[in-house]
Amino acid sequence: MLRDRLADYGYTGVNVAPGQDRDGDPVLLIDVRYKALDKPIASKATFGLVTAVRQQLARIGETRFPHIRHHFDEQQKIAS
């Protein structure tokens, strides 16, 4: 799902690991990695992503909240 949704924004892969939030509740730590693109990336690329991931996780019975962290290339420009 992430690959399909983020392919146009330089998506290269994802790492998922169990973790805890600040209150000690179990969560999923989702690190999404991107390559640099020549064009600036619009912020809409990640809008609503948590909701979409939560829906996919619910379908397989996963109840932990996904904490998504985006790792763009240092040289990547973001459209304002």
PDB file of N, CA and C in Angstrom:
ATOM      1  N   MET A   1       0.820  -1.187   0.000  1.00  0.00           N
ATOM      2  CA  MET A   1       0.000   0.000   0.000  1.00  0.00           C
ATOM      3  C   MET A   1       0.869   1.259   0.000  1.00  0.00           C
ATOM      4  N   LEU A   2       1.889   1.291   0.844  1.00  0.00           N
ATOM      5  CA  LEU A   2       2.768   2.463   0.873  1.00  0.00           C
ATOM      6  C   LEU A   2       3.503   2.622  -0.452  1.00  0.00           C
ATOM      7  N   ARG A   3       3.994   1.538  -0.994  1.00  0.00           N
ATOM      8  CA  ARG A   3       4.722   1.603  -2.265  1.00  0.00           C
ATOM      9  C   ARG A   3       3.838   2.222  -3.345  1.00  0.00           C
ATOM     10  N   ASP A   4       2.610   1.760  -3.457  1.00  0.00           N
ATOM     11  CA  ASP A   4       1.703   2.287  -4.478  1.00  0.00           C
ATOM     12  C   ASP A   4       1.399   3.764  -4.260  1.00  0.00           C
ATOM     13  N   ARG A   5       1.149   4.121  -3.020  1.00  0.00           N
ATOM     14  CA  ARG A   5       0.743   5.492  -2.715  1.00  0.00           C
ATOM     15  C   ARG A   5       1.890   6.502  -2.799  1.00  0.00           C
ATOM     16  N   LEU A   6       3.107   6.059  -2.493  1.00  0.00           N
ATOM     17  CA  LEU A   6       4.232   6.995  -2.387  1.00  0.00           C
ATOM     18  C   LEU A   6       5.273   6.862  -3.500  1.00  0.00           C
ATOM     19  N   ALA A   7       5.035   6.000  -4.468  1.00  0.00           N
ATOM     20  CA  ALA A   7       6.010   5.762  -5.543  1.00  0.00           C
ATOM     21  C   ALA A   7       6.380   7.045  -6.282  1.00  0.00           C
ATOM     22  N   ASP A   8       5.418   7.917  -6.515  1.00  0.00           N
ATOM     23  CA  ASP A   8       5.690   9.164  -7.243  1.00  0.00           C
ATOM     24  C   ASP A   8       6.501  10.169  -6.423  1.00  0.00           C
ATOM     25  N   TYR A   9       6.716   9.874  -5.151  1.00  0.00           N
ATOM     26  CA  TYR A   9       7.424  10.806  -4.272  1.00  0.00           C
ATOM     27  C   TYR A   9       8.806  10.295  -3.874  1.00  0.00           C
ATOM     28  N   GLY A  10       9.299   9.266  -4.557  1.00  0.00           N
ATOM     29  CA  GLY A  10      10.645   8.766  -4.305  1.00  0.00           C
ATOM     30  C   GLY A  10      10.740   7.657  -3.280  1.00  0.00           C
ATOM     31  N   TYR A  11       9.623   7.032  -2.947  1.00  0.00           N
ATOM     32  CA  TYR A  11       9.613   5.931  -1.975  1.00  0.00           C
ATOM     33  C   TYR A  11      10.626   4.860  -2.352  1.00  0.00           C
ATOM     34  N   THR A  12      11.453   4.463  -1.371  1.00  0.00           N
ATOM     35  CA  THR A  12      12.415   3.385  -1.615  1.00  0.00           C
ATOM     36  C   THR A  12      12.214   2.202  -0.683  1.00  0.00           C
ATOM     37  N   GLY A  13      11.528   2.388   0.423  1.00  0.00           N
ATOM     38  CA  GLY A  13      11.310   1.272   1.327  1.00  0.00           C
ATOM     39  C   GLY A  13      10.786   1.710   2.678  1.00  0.00           C
ATOM     40  N   VAL A  14      10.478   0.713   3.486  1.00  0.00           N
ATOM     41  CA  VAL A  14       9.905   0.970   4.807  1.00  0.00           C
ATOM     42  C   VAL A  14      10.458  -0.048   5.803  1.00  0.00           C
ATOM     43  N   ASN A  15      10.642   0.401   7.034  1.00  0.00           N
ATOM     44  CA  ASN A  15      10.984  -0.471   8.156  1.00  0.00           C
ATOM     45  C   ASN A  15       9.889  -0.328   9.197  1.00  0.00           C
ATOM     46  N   VAL A  16       9.425  -1.451   9.723  1.00  0.00           N
ATOM     47  CA  VAL A  16       8.382  -1.444  10.745  1.00  0.00           C
ATOM     48  C   VAL A  16       8.914  -2.178  11.963  1.00  0.00           C
ATOM     49  N   ALA A  17       8.748  -1.562  13.129  1.00  0.00           N
ATOM     50  CA  ALA A  17       9.218  -2.178  14.368  1.00  0.00           C
ATOM     51  C   ALA A  17       8.224  -1.876  15.489  1.00  0.00           C
ATOM     52  N   PRO A  18       8.104  -2.783  16.435  1.00  0.00           N
ATOM     53  CA  PRO A  18       7.259  -2.489  17.597  1.00  0.00           C
ATOM     54  C   PRO A  18       7.943  -1.450  18.469  1.00  0.00           C
ATOM     55  N   GLY A  19       7.137  -0.673  19.169  1.00  0.00           N
ATOM     56  CA  GLY A  19       7.676   0.335  20.062  1.00  0.00           C
ATOM     57  C   GLY A  19       6.641   0.748  21.079  1.00  0.00           C
ATOM     58  N   GLN A  20       6.953   1.814  21.806  1.00  0.00           N
ATOM     59  CA  GLN A  20       6.035   2.363  22.800  1.00  0.00           C
ATOM     60  C   GLN A  20       5.952   3.860  22.620  1.00  0.00           C
ATOM     61  N   ASP A  21       4.759   4.406  22.889  1.00  0.00           N
ATOM     62  CA  ASP A  21       4.622   5.853  22.843  1.00  0.00           C
ATOM     63  C   ASP A  21       5.052   6.431  24.185  1.00  0.00           C
ATOM     64  N   ARG A  22       4.868   7.729  24.382  1.00  0.00           N
ATOM     65  CA  ARG A  22       5.331   8.395  25.609  1.00  0.00           C
ATOM     66  C   ARG A  22       4.623   7.896  26.853  1.00  0.00           C
ATOM     67  N   ASP A  23       3.426   7.348  26.673  1.00  0.00           N
ATOM     68  CA  ASP A  23       2.672   6.822  27.812  1.00  0.00           C
ATOM     69  C   ASP A  23       2.948   5.348  28.068  1.00  0.00           C
ATOM     70  N   GLY A  24       3.824   4.763  27.252  1.00  0.00           N
ATOM     71  CA  GLY A  24       4.148   3.357  27.411  1.00  0.00           C
ATOM     72  C   GLY A  24       3.214   2.411  26.676  1.00  0.00           C
ATOM     73  N   ASP A  25       2.306   2.965  25.873  1.00  0.00           N
ATOM     74  CA  ASP A  25       1.388   2.134  25.101  1.00  0.00           C
ATOM     75  C   ASP A  25       2.102   1.561  23.880  1.00  0.00           C
ATOM     76  N   PRO A  26       1.751   0.333  23.487  1.00  0.00           N
ATOM     77  CA  PRO A  26       2.391  -0.266  22.321  1.00  0.00           C
ATOM     78  C   PRO A  26       1.971   0.428  21.025  1.00  0.00           C
ATOM     79  N   VAL A  27       2.942   0.652  20.155  1.00  0.00           N
ATOM     80  CA  VAL A  27       2.710   1.289  18.852  1.00  0.00           C
ATOM     81  C   VAL A  27       3.545   0.569  17.799  1.00  0.00           C
ATOM     82  N   LEU A  28       3.317   0.920  16.559  1.00  0.00           N
ATOM     83  CA  LEU A  28       4.171   0.472  15.464  1.00  0.00           C
ATOM     84  C   LEU A  28       4.967   1.670  14.977  1.00  0.00           C
ATOM     85  N   LEU A  29       6.273   1.540  14.937  1.00  0.00           N
ATOM     86  CA  LEU A  29       7.146   2.595  14.425  1.00  0.00           C
ATOM     87  C   LEU A  29       7.407   2.287  12.956  1.00  0.00           C
ATOM     88  N   ILE A  30       6.929   3.161  12.109  1.00  0.00           N
ATOM     89  CA  ILE A  30       7.023   2.949  10.665  1.00  0.00           C
ATOM     90  C   ILE A  30       7.923   4.026  10.079  1.00  0.00           C
ATOM     91  N   ASP A  31       9.097   3.608   9.606  1.00  0.00           N
ATOM     92  CA  ASP A  31      10.066   4.533   9.015  1.00  0.00           C
ATOM     93  C   ASP A  31      10.027   4.376   7.501  1.00  0.00           C
ATOM     94  N   VAL A  32       9.599   5.437   6.820  1.00  0.00           N
ATOM     95  CA  VAL A  32       9.482   5.425   5.359  1.00  0.00           C
ATOM     96  C   VAL A  32      10.665   6.198   4.787  1.00  0.00           C
ATOM     97  N   ARG A  33      11.357   5.587   3.844  1.00  0.00           N
ATOM     98  CA  ARG A  33      12.542   6.201   3.246  1.00  0.00           C
ATOM     99  C   ARG A  33      12.263   6.605   1.794  1.00  0.00           C
ATOM    100  N   TYR A  34      12.904   7.703   1.385  1.00  0.00           N
ATOM    101  CA  TYR A  34      12.707   8.267   0.054  1.00  0.00           C
ATOM    102  C   TYR A  34      14.051   8.618  -0.573  1.00  0.00           C
ATOM    103  N   LYS A  35      14.116   8.527  -1.888  1.00  0.00           N
ATOM    104  CA  LYS A  35      15.286   9.015  -2.621  1.00  0.00           C
ATOM    105  C   LYS A  35      15.006  10.454  -3.039  1.00  0.00           C
ATOM    106  N   ALA A  36      16.051  11.164  -3.386  1.00  0.00           N
ATOM    107  CA  ALA A  36      15.907  12.549  -3.830  1.00  0.00           C
ATOM    108  C   ALA A  36      15.299  12.581  -5.229  1.00  0.00           C
ATOM    109  N   LEU A  37      14.404  13.517  -5.434  1.00  0.00           N
ATOM    110  CA  LEU A  37      13.800  13.756  -6.739  1.00  0.00           C
ATOM    111  C   LEU A  37      14.193  15.137  -7.232  1.00  0.00           C
ATOM    112  N   ASP A  38      14.164  15.329  -8.538  1.00  0.00           N
ATOM    113  CA  ASP A  38      14.480  16.640  -9.102  1.00  0.00           C
ATOM    114  C   ASP A  38      13.397  17.669  -8.817  1.00  0.00           C
ATOM    115  N   LYS A  39      12.168  17.214  -8.690  1.00  0.00           N
ATOM    116  CA  LYS A  39      11.054  18.139  -8.455  1.00  0.00           C
ATOM    117  C   LYS A  39      10.740  18.219  -6.964  1.00  0.00           C
ATOM    118  N   PRO A  40      10.270  19.371  -6.504  1.00  0.00           N
ATOM    119  CA  PRO A  40       9.856  19.492  -5.102  1.00  0.00           C
ATOM    120  C   PRO A  40       8.660  18.587  -4.821  1.00  0.00           C
ATOM    121  N   ILE A  41       8.611  18.076  -3.615  1.00  0.00           N
ATOM    122  CA  ILE A  41       7.510  17.209  -3.202  1.00  0.00           C
ATOM    123  C   ILE A  41       6.471  18.046  -2.466  1.00  0.00           C
ATOM    124  N   ALA A  42       5.213  17.884  -2.853  1.00  0.00           N
ATOM    125  CA  ALA A  42       4.122  18.593  -2.187  1.00  0.00           C
ATOM    126  C   ALA A  42       3.791  17.900  -0.868  1.00  0.00           C
ATOM    127  N   SER A  43       3.403  18.680   0.120  1.00  0.00           N
ATOM    128  CA  SER A  43       3.074  18.107   1.422  1.00  0.00           C
ATOM    129  C   SER A  43       1.880  17.171   1.341  1.00  0.00           C
ATOM    130  N   LYS A  44       1.072  17.278   0.303  1.00  0.00           N
ATOM    131  CA  LYS A  44      -0.089  16.400   0.160  1.00  0.00           C
ATOM    132  C   LYS A  44       0.323  14.934  -0.001  1.00  0.00           C
ATOM    133  N   ALA A  45       1.583  14.684  -0.272  1.00  0.00           N
ATOM    134  CA  ALA A  45       2.066  13.312  -0.440  1.00  0.00           C
ATOM    135  C   ALA A  45       1.796  12.475   0.801  1.00  0.00           C
ATOM    136  N   THR A  46       1.883  13.081   1.963  1.00  0.00           N
ATOM    137  CA  THR A  46       1.719  12.330   3.199  1.00  0.00           C
ATOM    138  C   THR A  46       0.397  12.620   3.905  1.00  0.00           C
ATOM    139  N   PHE A  47      -0.422  13.496   3.338  1.00  0.00           N
ATOM    140  CA  PHE A  47      -1.699  13.857   3.963  1.00  0.00           C
ATOM    141  C   PHE A  47      -2.626  12.647   4.022  1.00  0.00           C
ATOM    142  N   GLY A  48      -3.141  12.351   5.190  1.00  0.00           N
ATOM    143  CA  GLY A  48      -4.075  11.250   5.362  1.00  0.00           C
ATOM    144  C   GLY A  48      -3.447   9.869   5.394  1.00  0.00           C
ATOM    145  N   LEU A  49      -2.130   9.814   5.396  1.00  0.00           N
ATOM    146  CA  LEU A  49      -1.450   8.525   5.343  1.00  0.00           C
ATOM    147  C   LEU A  49      -1.689   7.688   6.600  1.00  0.00           C
ATOM    148  N   VAL A  50      -1.695   8.314   7.762  1.00  0.00           N
ATOM    149  CA  VAL A  50      -1.912   7.566   9.005  1.00  0.00           C
ATOM    150  C   VAL A  50      -3.276   6.880   8.979  1.00  0.00           C
ATOM    151  N   THR A  51      -4.288   7.590   8.518  1.00  0.00           N
ATOM    152  CA  THR A  51      -5.632   7.000   8.443  1.00  0.00           C
ATOM    153  C   THR A  51      -5.644   5.794   7.511  1.00  0.00           C
ATOM    154  N   ALA A  52      -5.031   5.926   6.353  1.00  0.00           N
ATOM    155  CA  ALA A  52      -4.996   4.825   5.394  1.00  0.00           C
ATOM    156  C   ALA A  52      -4.249   3.616   5.960  1.00  0.00           C
ATOM    157  N   VAL A  53      -3.141   3.862   6.643  1.00  0.00           N
ATOM    158  CA  VAL A  53      -2.370   2.768   7.239  1.00  0.00           C
ATOM    159  C   VAL A  53      -3.180   2.111   8.356  1.00  0.00           C
ATOM    160  N   ARG A  54      -3.844   2.905   9.174  1.00  0.00           N
ATOM    161  CA  ARG A  54      -4.664   2.345  10.259  1.00  0.00           C
ATOM    162  C   ARG A  54      -5.774   1.456   9.710  1.00  0.00           C
ATOM    163  N   GLN A  55      -6.373   1.862   8.615  1.00  0.00           N
ATOM    164  CA  GLN A  55      -7.433   1.049   8.006  1.00  0.00           C
ATOM    165  C   GLN A  55      -6.876  -0.287   7.522  1.00  0.00           C
ATOM    166  N   GLN A  56      -5.717  -0.255   6.891  1.00  0.00           N
ATOM    167  CA  GLN A  56      -5.091  -1.492   6.431  1.00  0.00           C
ATOM    168  C   GLN A  56      -4.730  -2.393   7.614  1.00  0.00           C
ATOM    169  N   LEU A  57      -4.200  -1.816   8.666  1.00  0.00           N
ATOM    170  CA  LEU A  57      -3.830  -2.597   9.842  1.00  0.00           C
ATOM    171  C   LEU A  57      -5.064  -3.211  10.502  1.00  0.00           C
ATOM    172  N   ALA A  58      -6.144  -2.470  10.575  1.00  0.00           N
ATOM    173  CA  ALA A  58      -7.381  -2.976  11.184  1.00  0.00           C
ATOM    174  C   ALA A  58      -7.899  -4.192  10.431  1.00  0.00           C
ATOM    175  N   ARG A  59      -7.715  -4.209   9.123  1.00  0.00           N
ATOM    176  CA  ARG A  59      -8.182  -5.341   8.315  1.00  0.00           C
ATOM    177  C   ARG A  59      -7.488  -6.647   8.685  1.00  0.00           C
ATOM    178  N   ILE A  60      -6.279  -6.534   9.228  1.00  0.00           N
ATOM    179  CA  ILE A  60      -5.563  -7.753   9.619  1.00  0.00           C
ATOM    180  C   ILE A  60      -5.564  -7.945  11.143  1.00  0.00           C
ATOM    181  N   GLY A  61      -6.368  -7.136  11.841  1.00  0.00           N
ATOM    182  CA  GLY A  61      -6.518  -7.291  13.283  1.00  0.00           C
ATOM    183  C   GLY A  61      -5.478  -6.588  14.123  1.00  0.00           C
ATOM    184  N   GLU A  62      -4.670  -5.731  13.511  1.00  0.00           N
ATOM    185  CA  GLU A  62      -3.620  -4.994  14.239  1.00  0.00           C
ATOM    186  C   GLU A  62      -4.231  -3.758  14.878  1.00  0.00           C
ATOM    187  N   THR A  63      -4.063  -3.614  16.197  1.00  0.00           N
ATOM    188  CA  THR A  63      -4.669  -2.491  16.916  1.00  0.00           C
ATOM    189  C   THR A  63      -3.663  -1.426  17.344  1.00  0.00           C
ATOM    190  N   ARG A  64      -2.369  -1.706  17.208  1.00  0.00           N
ATOM    191  CA  ARG A  64      -1.377  -0.693  17.603  1.00  0.00           C
ATOM    192  C   ARG A  64      -1.433   0.503  16.658  1.00  0.00           C
ATOM    193  N   PHE A  65      -1.246   1.684  17.232  1.00  0.00           N
ATOM    194  CA  PHE A  65      -1.275   2.920  16.444  1.00  0.00           C
ATOM    195  C   PHE A  65       0.024   3.049  15.660  1.00  0.00           C
ATOM    196  N   PRO A  66      -0.060   3.392  14.362  1.00  0.00           N
ATOM    197  CA  PRO A  66       1.152   3.555  13.567  1.00  0.00           C
ATOM    198  C   PRO A  66       1.755   4.957  13.723  1.00  0.00           C
ATOM    199  N   HIS A  67       2.999   5.004  14.125  1.00  0.00           N
ATOM    200  CA  HIS A  67       3.740   6.268  14.173  1.00  0.00           C
ATOM    201  C   HIS A  67       4.623   6.289  12.928  1.00  0.00           C
ATOM    202  N   ILE A  68       4.262   7.124  11.966  1.00  0.00           N
ATOM    203  CA  ILE A  68       4.972   7.151  10.688  1.00  0.00           C
ATOM    204  C   ILE A  68       5.998   8.277  10.692  1.00  0.00           C
ATOM    205  N   ARG A  69       7.230   7.911  10.378  1.00  0.00           N
ATOM    206  CA  ARG A  69       8.306   8.894  10.287  1.00  0.00           C
ATOM    207  C   ARG A  69       8.829   8.863   8.852  1.00  0.00           C
ATOM    208  N   HIS A  70       8.898  10.030   8.244  1.00  0.00           N
ATOM    209  CA  HIS A  70       9.335  10.140   6.856  1.00  0.00           C
ATOM    210  C   HIS A  70      10.793  10.588   6.822  1.00  0.00           C
ATOM    211  N   HIS A  71      11.598   9.878   6.054  1.00  0.00           N
ATOM    212  CA  HIS A  71      13.021  10.171   5.946  1.00  0.00           C
ATOM    213  C   HIS A  71      13.327  10.530   4.489  1.00  0.00           C
ATOM    214  N   PHE A  72      13.186  11.812   4.202  1.00  0.00           N
ATOM    215  CA  PHE A  72      13.498  12.310   2.861  1.00  0.00           C
ATOM    216  C   PHE A  72      14.992  12.569   2.751  1.00  0.00           C
ATOM    217  N   ASP A  73      15.508  12.493   1.545  1.00  0.00           N
ATOM    218  CA  ASP A  73      16.904  12.820   1.289  1.00  0.00           C
ATOM    219  C   ASP A  73      17.170  14.254   1.759  1.00  0.00           C
ATOM    220  N   GLU A  74      18.353  14.486   2.285  1.00  0.00           N
ATOM    221  CA  GLU A  74      18.696  15.818   2.802  1.00  0.00           C
ATOM    222  C   GLU A  74      18.587  16.904   1.731  1.00  0.00           C
ATOM    223  N   GLN A  75      18.778  16.547   0.480  1.00  0.00           N
ATOM    224  CA  GLN A  75      18.750  17.517  -0.620  1.00  0.00           C
ATOM    225  C   GLN A  75      17.336  17.721  -1.199  1.00  0.00           C
ATOM    226  N   GLN A  76      16.372  16.936  -0.748  1.00  0.00           N
ATOM    227  CA  GLN A  76      15.028  17.011  -1.315  1.00  0.00           C
ATOM    228  C   GLN A  76      14.374  18.340  -0.991  1.00  0.00           C
ATOM    229  N   LYS A  77      13.794  18.959  -1.993  1.00  0.00           N
ATOM    230  CA  LYS A  77      13.049  20.200  -1.790  1.00  0.00           C
ATOM    231  C   LYS A  77      11.582  19.861  -1.585  1.00  0.00           C
ATOM    232  N   ILE A  78      10.959  20.612  -0.691  1.00  0.00           N
ATOM    233  CA  ILE A  78       9.539  20.435  -0.401  1.00  0.00           C
ATOM    234  C   ILE A  78       8.810  21.667  -0.936  1.00  0.00           C
ATOM    235  N   ALA A  79       7.731  21.439  -1.694  1.00  0.00           N
ATOM    236  CA  ALA A  79       6.951  22.549  -2.252  1.00  0.00           C
ATOM    237  C   ALA A  79       6.223  23.263  -1.115  1.00  0.00           C
ATOM    238  N   SER A  80       6.164  24.585  -1.208  1.00  0.00           N
ATOM    239  CA  SER A  80       5.487  25.351  -0.149  1.00  0.00           C
ATOM    240  C   SER A  80       4.037  25.562  -0.478  1.00  0.00           C
TER     241      SER A  80
END
